[in-house]
């Protein structure tokens, strides 16, 4: 569980991080439970009294949570688990004056505080703080909501590089695009999918159409404290951003901003809008990847780097699934990194091994 900080000396992590089913729960706890996860838009909780149950990273963490907007117009998030016997407190989105468990009638205010419990006369030291709904950390950017079971870093610190750099972009005006929203099932470990995303090295070999619209020679990678930014430059005549003078890239033909945040969130900005990609582990060798589309300028859809996302995704899946088969080989141990092209992947492996090491028993 160690990757040398010097990429020119480093080897990829022990393949047990990918292939060993006993390590998988440790990865979930070390990397996913302590990170910020995408929830979605705030549409369902915009008015006082609104309640919106969700599952934090369904298929792996599977934490039941509930967003509520109280009567003081404050957005809150709680564990959606009754403090009496563990029944879910809120089972459907709606508008309520309080939350009440339908199992035994325990009631909570929209501030999460315990209010009432029938048939509990004579119980000593009751109620106490443990009878309130546990608070869940959450973060809002524009209309987008995020949550974390046990964040190791404040969300403001994690996402600041993206929010500040793209402050000129009217993200709050983006509209959902159902045609660019769908799920993909990948028969491979989630980390192999992220490996592939974080390097443009494979583009000329795997994505012929994408390579024809990008200037591969100028493909640029920046390591962020908790993520990676890949700047894709467009070929002459291809769709690029009309950048304002306030942008650090002003005057450059930027075709896409590819942001990744540890461990599994991708924000792909194109001249037409945004594709959020959420990589969801379903097991040691099975992953669901959700594409969630938002349109800014519909007139630019079908052009440039963001034109054929479905085809690019299918091309990536074929490669990643082949790596999943190959990495299990008894003849494979470690790989090395291209200093010129794989610094994003190297950075991911460093973050991953550091996050998992305190939880692993395989060192």
Protein backbone atom coordinates (compact mmCIF):
# COMPACT_ATOMS: atom_id res chain seq x y z
CA UNK A 1 0.00 0.00 0.00
CA UNK A 2 2.74 2.43 -0.98
CA UNK A 3 3.40 4.44 -4.13
CA UNK A 4 6.66 6.37 -4.37
CA UNK A 5 6.03 10.14 -4.55
CA UNK A 6 8.64 10.35 -7.31
CA UNK A 7 6.77 9.25 -10.43
CA UNK A 8 10.01 8.40 -12.20
CA UNK A 9 10.71 5.76 -9.54
CA UNK A 10 7.17 4.71 -8.66
CA UNK A 11 5.43 1.43 -9.33
CA UNK A 12 1.67 1.03 -9.36
CA UNK A 13 0.08 -0.24 -6.12
CA UNK A 14 0.00 -3.89 -5.15
CA UNK A 15 -2.68 -5.40 -7.36
CA UNK A 16 -4.43 -6.77 -4.24
CA UNK A 17 -5.88 -3.28 -3.91
CA UNK A 18 -7.91 -4.16 -7.02
CA UNK A 19 -8.24 -7.93 -6.96
CA UNK A 20 -8.46 -8.98 -3.29
CA UNK A 21 -12.11 -9.12 -2.10
CA UNK A 22 -10.97 -8.80 1.52
CA UNK A 23 -9.44 -5.39 0.74
CA UNK A 24 -12.60 -4.08 -0.92
CA UNK A 25 -14.45 -3.18 2.34
CA UNK A 26 -11.33 -1.39 3.56
CA UNK A 27 -11.31 0.70 0.38
CA UNK A 28 -14.96 1.60 0.87
CA UNK A 29 -14.30 2.73 4.43
CA UNK A 30 -11.02 4.52 3.80
CA UNK A 31 -11.80 6.18 0.49
CA UNK A 32 -15.58 6.44 0.08
CA UNK A 33 -17.03 6.87 3.58
CA UNK A 34 -14.62 9.75 4.19
CA UNK A 35 -15.17 11.54 0.87
CA UNK A 36 -17.86 13.78 -0.62
CA UNK A 37 -20.50 12.07 -2.71
CA UNK A 38 -22.88 13.46 -5.32
CA UNK A 39 -26.54 13.53 -4.29
CA UNK A 40 -28.22 15.58 -7.04
CA UNK A 41 -30.19 18.77 -7.51
CA UNK A 42 -31.99 20.50 -4.67
CA UNK A 43 -35.33 20.59 -6.55
CA UNK A 44 -37.15 18.43 -3.99
CA UNK A 45 -36.12 20.52 -0.96
CA UNK A 46 -36.62 24.12 -2.02
CA UNK A 47 -39.55 25.01 0.25
CA UNK A 48 -40.00 24.81 4.05
CA UNK A 49 -41.37 21.45 5.15
CA UNK A 50 -39.84 19.55 2.24
CA UNK A 51 -38.43 16.08 2.96
CA UNK A 52 -36.29 14.09 0.55
CA UNK A 53 -34.89 10.64 1.47
CA UNK A 54 -31.78 9.48 -0.38
CA UNK A 55 -29.19 6.70 -0.24
CA UNK A 56 -25.58 7.77 0.12
CA UNK A 57 -23.66 5.90 -2.60
CA UNK A 58 -26.22 3.19 -3.27
CA UNK A 59 -24.68 -0.22 -3.92
CA UNK A 60 -21.67 0.23 -1.64
CA UNK A 61 -22.02 2.57 1.36
CA UNK A 62 -25.83 2.28 1.23
CA UNK A 63 -26.33 4.87 3.97
CA UNK A 64 -29.96 6.03 4.30
CA UNK A 65 -30.07 9.81 4.71
CA UNK A 66 -32.77 12.44 4.46
CA UNK A 67 -32.63 16.10 3.42
CA UNK A 68 -35.20 18.41 4.98
CA UNK A 69 -35.90 22.13 4.84
CA UNK A 70 -37.21 23.25 8.20
CA UNK A 71 -39.78 25.94 8.87
CA UNK A 72 -37.00 28.51 9.30
CA UNK A 73 -36.02 27.77 5.68
CA UNK A 74 -32.80 26.03 6.71
CA UNK A 75 -31.64 23.04 4.69
CA UNK A 76 -30.52 20.12 6.85
CA UNK A 77 -29.43 16.51 6.41
CA UNK A 78 -29.82 13.64 8.86
CA UNK A 79 -29.36 9.90 9.08
CA UNK A 80 -32.68 8.48 7.94
CA UNK A 81 -32.70 5.96 10.79
CA UNK A 82 -34.97 6.06 13.81
CA UNK A 83 -33.00 6.16 17.06
CA UNK A 84 -35.38 3.62 18.62
CA UNK A 85 -35.09 0.48 16.46
CA UNK A 86 -33.44 1.62 13.25
CA UNK A 87 -36.50 1.92 11.01
CA UNK A 88 -36.22 4.49 8.23
CA UNK A 89 -37.97 7.66 9.39
CA UNK A 90 -38.80 9.16 6.00
CA UNK A 91 -39.83 6.77 3.24
CA UNK A 92 -40.86 9.18 0.50
CA UNK A 93 -40.35 12.77 -0.57
CA UNK A 94 -43.07 15.13 0.58
CA UNK A 95 -43.92 18.12 2.74
CA UNK A 96 -44.21 17.54 6.48
CA UNK A 97 -44.39 19.38 9.81
CA UNK A 98 -42.26 16.70 11.49
CA UNK A 99 -40.74 13.24 10.86
CA UNK A 100 -42.45 10.28 12.46
CA UNK A 101 -41.36 6.65 12.41
CA UNK A 102 -44.34 4.51 11.42
CA UNK A 103 -42.95 1.48 13.29
CA UNK A 104 -43.49 2.69 16.89
CA UNK A 105 -44.46 6.33 16.45
CA UNK A 106 -41.25 8.12 17.52
CA UNK A 107 -41.40 11.70 16.29
CA UNK A 108 -38.67 14.17 15.37
CA UNK A 109 -38.76 17.84 14.46
CA UNK A 110 -37.43 19.04 11.11
CA UNK A 111 -34.39 20.18 13.08
CA UNK A 112 -33.72 16.51 13.89
CA UNK A 113 -34.56 16.90 17.59
CA UNK A 114 -36.51 14.17 19.37
CA UNK A 115 -40.07 15.32 20.11
CA UNK A 116 -42.21 12.46 21.34
CA UNK A 117 -42.30 8.70 21.95
CA UNK A 118 -45.44 6.84 23.06
CA UNK A 119 -45.35 4.22 25.83
CA UNK A 120 -41.96 5.33 27.17
CA UNK A 121 -43.01 6.44 30.65
CA UNK A 122 -40.57 5.29 33.31
CA UNK A 123 -37.52 5.15 31.03
CA UNK A 124 -34.69 6.85 32.90
CA UNK A 125 -32.31 9.44 31.41
CA UNK A 126 -34.67 9.84 28.47
CA UNK A 127 -34.68 11.64 26.15
CA UNK A 128 -31.04 12.54 25.65
CA UNK A 129 -28.88 13.72 22.76
CA UNK A 130 -28.59 10.16 21.44
CA UNK A 131 -32.33 10.18 20.78
CA UNK A 132 -32.00 12.99 18.21
CA UNK A 133 -31.41 12.12 14.56
CA UNK A 134 -27.66 12.10 13.81
CA UNK A 135 -26.56 14.96 11.57
CA UNK A 136 -24.99 14.17 8.21
CA UNK A 137 -22.44 16.51 6.65
CA UNK A 138 -23.60 18.07 3.39
CA UNK A 139 -22.52 20.75 0.96
CA UNK A 140 -24.30 22.77 -1.70
CA UNK A 141 -22.83 24.31 -4.83
CA UNK A 142 -25.27 26.14 -7.09
CA UNK A 143 -28.24 23.71 -7.20
CA UNK A 144 -26.10 20.64 -6.55
CA UNK A 145 -26.03 18.75 -3.25
CA UNK A 146 -23.26 16.55 -1.84
CA UNK A 147 -23.02 14.55 1.39
CA UNK A 148 -20.43 12.58 3.32
CA UNK A 149 -20.68 9.90 5.99
CA UNK A 150 -17.46 10.96 7.71
CA UNK A 151 -15.59 13.65 5.74
CA UNK A 152 -11.84 13.80 6.19
CA UNK A 153 -11.67 17.23 4.50
CA UNK A 154 -14.23 20.07 4.34
CA UNK A 155 -16.10 20.17 1.04
CA UNK A 156 -15.20 23.83 0.56
CA UNK A 157 -11.54 22.81 0.51
CA UNK A 158 -12.08 19.89 -1.85
CA UNK A 159 -14.10 21.69 -4.53
CA UNK A 160 -12.60 25.19 -4.23
CA UNK A 161 -10.16 24.79 -7.17
CA UNK A 162 -13.06 24.07 -9.54
CA UNK A 163 -15.54 26.57 -8.11
CA UNK A 164 -13.03 29.41 -8.12
CA UNK A 165 -11.58 28.67 -11.54
CA UNK A 166 -15.00 28.40 -13.18
CA UNK A 167 -16.61 31.26 -11.26
CA UNK A 168 -17.37 32.95 -14.62
CA UNK A 169 -19.54 30.02 -15.71
CA UNK A 170 -23.30 30.33 -14.89
CA UNK A 171 -23.59 26.83 -13.43
CA UNK A 172 -26.77 27.83 -11.56
CA UNK A 173 -28.48 28.28 -14.96
CA UNK A 174 -27.65 24.79 -16.27
CA UNK A 175 -30.71 22.68 -17.02
CA UNK A 176 -31.06 18.88 -16.71
CA UNK A 177 -30.65 17.02 -20.00
CA UNK A 178 -32.33 13.57 -19.84
CA UNK A 179 -30.83 12.50 -23.18
CA UNK A 180 -27.35 12.73 -21.68
CA UNK A 181 -28.28 10.99 -18.43
CA UNK A 182 -27.87 7.23 -18.17
CA UNK A 183 -26.08 4.43 -16.30
CA UNK A 184 -23.37 2.11 -17.57
CA UNK A 185 -22.40 -1.23 -16.03
CA UNK A 186 -18.68 -1.92 -16.18
CA UNK A 187 -17.38 -5.38 -15.34
CA UNK A 188 -14.26 -4.08 -13.65
CA UNK A 189 -13.04 -2.60 -10.39
CA UNK A 190 -13.98 1.05 -9.93
CA UNK A 191 -10.32 2.11 -9.55
CA UNK A 192 -9.43 0.81 -13.01
CA UNK A 193 -12.14 3.03 -14.46
CA UNK A 194 -10.68 6.03 -12.63
CA UNK A 195 -7.17 5.08 -13.81
CA UNK A 196 -8.38 5.28 -17.38
CA UNK A 197 -10.17 8.58 -16.88
CA UNK A 198 -7.14 10.31 -15.39
CA UNK A 199 -4.80 10.03 -18.36
CA UNK A 200 -5.06 11.22 -21.92
CA UNK A 201 -2.27 8.80 -22.84
CA UNK A 202 -4.73 6.29 -24.32
CA UNK A 203 -6.75 8.78 -26.40
CA UNK A 204 -4.81 8.36 -29.70
CA UNK A 205 -4.96 4.57 -29.33
CA UNK A 206 -8.56 4.09 -28.17
CA UNK A 207 -10.61 7.14 -29.20
CA UNK A 208 -9.99 7.95 -32.86
CA UNK A 209 -12.91 10.39 -33.18
CA UNK A 210 -12.14 12.20 -29.95
CA UNK A 211 -8.48 12.42 -30.88
CA UNK A 212 -9.42 14.12 -34.15
CA UNK A 213 -11.00 17.09 -32.33
CA UNK A 214 -8.42 17.46 -29.55
CA UNK A 215 -4.89 18.84 -29.68
CA UNK A 216 -3.22 15.89 -27.99
CA UNK A 217 0.17 17.60 -27.93
CA UNK A 218 -1.18 20.33 -25.66
CA UNK A 219 -3.20 18.07 -23.36
CA UNK A 220 -2.51 19.46 -19.89
CA UNK A 221 -2.85 17.88 -16.43
CA UNK A 222 -2.85 19.73 -13.10
CA UNK A 223 -2.72 17.94 -9.77
CA UNK A 224 -5.06 19.40 -7.15
CA UNK A 225 -4.89 18.71 -3.41
CA UNK A 226 -7.87 16.36 -3.64
CA UNK A 227 -8.24 15.79 -7.35
CA UNK A 228 -7.00 16.36 -10.88
CA UNK A 229 -7.83 18.81 -13.65
CA UNK A 230 -7.28 17.78 -17.26
CA UNK A 231 -7.40 20.65 -19.74
CA UNK A 232 -8.25 19.54 -23.27
CA UNK A 233 -7.32 21.90 -26.11
CA UNK A 234 -9.35 21.83 -29.30
CA UNK A 235 -8.14 21.58 -32.86
CA UNK A 236 -8.66 24.64 -35.08
CA UNK A 237 -12.28 24.96 -36.12
CA UNK A 238 -13.60 22.71 -33.35
CA UNK A 239 -16.01 23.81 -30.60
CA UNK A 240 -14.19 25.54 -27.74
CA UNK A 241 -15.18 27.81 -24.86
CA UNK A 242 -15.65 31.54 -25.39
CA UNK A 243 -13.64 32.42 -22.30
CA UNK A 244 -13.92 35.77 -20.51
CA UNK A 245 -10.83 37.82 -19.53
CA UNK A 246 -11.33 36.68 -15.91
CA UNK A 247 -10.55 33.07 -16.88
CA UNK A 248 -6.97 31.83 -16.35
CA UNK A 249 -7.29 30.19 -19.79
CA UNK A 250 -8.44 33.36 -21.56
CA UNK A 251 -7.31 33.32 -25.19
CA UNK A 252 -6.71 29.56 -25.26
CA UNK A 253 -8.81 27.10 -27.32
CA UNK A 254 -10.12 25.03 -24.41
CA UNK A 255 -12.42 22.24 -25.57
CA UNK A 256 -13.13 20.69 -22.15
CA UNK A 257 -12.39 20.96 -18.45
CA UNK A 258 -12.20 17.47 -16.98
CA UNK A 259 -12.30 17.64 -13.16
CA UNK A 260 -11.93 14.58 -10.97
CA UNK A 261 -12.27 14.61 -7.19
CA UNK A 262 -11.15 11.75 -5.00
CA UNK A 263 -12.23 9.08 -5.18
CA UNK A 264 -15.08 8.86 -7.72
CA UNK A 265 -16.56 12.20 -8.88
CA UNK A 266 -15.98 13.65 -12.35
CA UNK A 267 -17.22 17.02 -13.64
CA UNK A 268 -16.78 17.30 -17.40
CA UNK A 269 -17.44 20.83 -18.66
CA UNK A 270 -17.98 21.35 -22.38
CA UNK A 271 -19.10 24.42 -24.36
CA UNK A 272 -22.62 22.94 -24.35
CA UNK A 273 -22.76 22.25 -20.61
CA UNK A 274 -21.79 19.66 -17.99
CA UNK A 275 -21.67 15.88 -17.67
CA UNK A 276 -21.32 14.71 -14.08
CA UNK A 277 -19.92 11.18 -13.86
CA UNK A 278 -20.33 9.25 -10.62
CA UNK A 279 -18.34 6.02 -10.33
CA UNK A 280 -20.22 3.65 -7.98
CA UNK A 281 -18.53 0.44 -6.80
CA UNK A 282 -20.92 -2.51 -6.68
CA UNK A 283 -18.28 -5.09 -5.81
CA UNK A 284 -14.59 -5.84 -6.31
CA UNK A 285 -15.11 -6.35 -10.06
CA UNK A 286 -18.36 -4.55 -10.86
CA UNK A 287 -19.00 -0.83 -11.21
CA UNK A 288 -21.95 1.35 -12.16
CA UNK A 289 -21.04 4.66 -13.81
CA UNK A 290 -23.80 7.26 -13.84
CA UNK A 291 -23.68 10.04 -16.44
CA UNK A 292 -25.83 13.04 -15.41
CA UNK A 293 -26.17 15.75 -18.03
CA UNK A 294 -26.87 19.49 -17.70
CA UNK A 295 -27.15 21.83 -20.69
CA UNK A 296 -25.91 25.40 -20.86
CA UNK A 297 -25.90 26.11 -24.61
CA UNK A 298 -27.95 23.57 -26.57
CA UNK A 299 -26.76 25.01 -29.89
CA UNK A 300 -23.31 23.53 -29.24
CA UNK A 301 -24.43 19.99 -28.47
CA UNK A 302 -23.10 17.48 -30.96
CA UNK A 303 -19.87 19.41 -31.44
CA UNK A 304 -16.31 19.01 -30.21
CA UNK A 305 -14.98 16.95 -27.30
CA UNK A 306 -18.41 16.45 -25.72
CA UNK A 307 -20.21 15.33 -28.85
CA UNK A 308 -20.09 11.54 -28.63
CA UNK A 309 -19.93 10.71 -24.91
CA UNK A 310 -21.73 7.39 -25.29
CA UNK A 311 -19.26 6.13 -27.90
CA UNK A 312 -16.25 7.27 -25.86
CA UNK A 313 -17.70 5.54 -22.79
CA UNK A 314 -18.20 2.25 -24.63
CA UNK A 315 -14.66 2.40 -25.99
CA UNK A 316 -13.35 2.97 -22.47
CA UNK A 317 -15.40 0.10 -21.07
CA UNK A 318 -13.87 -2.40 -23.48
CA UNK A 319 -10.35 -1.40 -22.42
CA UNK A 320 -11.06 -1.25 -18.69
CA UNK A 321 -12.77 -4.65 -18.68
CA UNK A 322 -9.79 -6.14 -20.52
CA UNK A 323 -7.47 -4.70 -17.88
CA UNK A 324 -9.66 -6.26 -15.18
CA UNK A 325 -9.14 -9.66 -16.79
CA UNK A 326 -5.43 -9.14 -17.31
CA UNK A 327 -4.54 -7.72 -13.90
CA UNK A 328 -5.65 -10.96 -12.23
CA UNK A 329 -2.88 -12.83 -14.02
CA UNK A 330 -0.30 -14.50 -11.80
CA UNK A 331 2.31 -13.04 -14.15
CA UNK A 332 1.35 -9.41 -13.46
CA UNK A 333 2.67 -7.64 -10.36
CA UNK A 334 3.30 -3.94 -10.89
CA UNK A 335 3.37 -1.38 -13.68
CA UNK A 336 5.38 1.81 -14.12
CA UNK A 337 4.19 5.32 -14.98
CA UNK A 338 4.80 7.53 -17.97
CA UNK A 339 6.34 10.66 -16.47
CA UNK A 340 4.96 12.70 -19.37
CA UNK A 341 1.41 11.33 -19.45
CA UNK A 342 0.39 9.50 -16.28
CA UNK A 343 0.93 12.01 -13.48
CA UNK A 344 -2.85 12.17 -12.90
CA UNK A 345 -3.06 8.40 -12.41
CA UNK A 346 0.02 8.46 -10.18
CA UNK A 347 -1.60 11.18 -8.05
CA UNK A 348 -4.77 9.10 -7.72
CA UNK A 349 -2.81 6.05 -6.60
CA UNK A 350 -1.00 8.15 -4.00
CA UNK A 351 -4.28 9.50 -2.63
CA UNK A 352 -5.89 6.07 -2.65
CA UNK A 353 -3.12 4.20 -0.84
CA UNK A 354 -2.83 6.97 1.76
CA UNK A 355 -6.59 6.87 2.39
CA UNK A 356 -6.81 3.08 2.65
CA UNK A 357 -3.61 2.36 4.58
CA UNK A 358 -5.07 3.10 8.07
CA UNK A 359 -7.90 0.64 7.39
CA UNK A 360 -5.98 -2.20 5.76
CA UNK A 361 -4.62 -5.34 7.34
CA UNK A 362 -2.72 -6.55 4.28
CA UNK A 363 0.57 -4.63 4.72
